[in-house]
Structure formats: C-alpha cells, structure tokens
C-alpha cells in the first residue's frame, strides 16, 4: 500500500467508526485478522471483530473522533499508527454496569498491520483505568 492509500483507508475507517457502522468497520479487516484490545482482549476473525464493535457501540453512543496523529510505513508489511481522541456517551451496559449517561473521553493508539489492503493485525492501546474511572466503575483515592 502507498502512503496515500493508507491515509485514504484511515479516513474511511474513522468515518465508519463515527457512524458506528459495524459492517463497514468489519470490511476493513481480513477474515483471519487478530485484534488485541484492553476491553475485548484477543479477538480473532472478522466476525468476532464485528461483534466487539456491535457491543462497543451498544455501550457508547454518539461518538466523535478527533485524529491527533498518524504514522505510516509503506514497508513490507505496510503499517500505520493512528492516535485519536474519542468522546461518546456511556448509554448501555458494559462490564455489568448500566449506561450512566456520562460523556467518556479516551485517547487511543491503534497500531495496524495491513495485508492485501486490509487490517490483518491491530493492537489498541489506551488508559483503560481512566475510562473505568470516568464511567464510575472505579473511584480515585483522595490525595
């Protein structure tokens, strides 16, 4: 993939994420992909990735995404890192906790490896503890 092809791919990926379009997101992955995520742990295969997106979007509604940075490598295999800040409303159940209506913000880095123009491997990195604190699952200890 060229740098322009990867940038175009990332633009489509972010738009699908903002629209909560599970099928469009699923189409971004190879059928035998692997995704490692703080929430969903290790997920294998496009169908399972689509399930995680459906679960995520049931829990967090009305997302907005601001891309902070991208790093692209056109080597073999092509790779990219996208750093973004997303905001969404905790609207539905996740981790056994009903939707709180709270606006949750998290900055994440998605480390992507491509095969045949699709995501073959993805590692998501973000502050999971801070997300749980924003939801009210965890409380910060006073200083």
Foldseek 3Di string as FASTA:
>chain_A
DDPVLVVVLVVQCQVCLQVLPLVSNLVQEDQFAWEAEPQPGIDTGSVRSSVVSVVVCQQWDNKDKDWDDKDWDVPVFTKMKTKIKMWTFRCQDDPNDGGDRFIFIWIKIWIFTDDPRHGRYIYIDTDPVSRCVSRVVDDDDDD
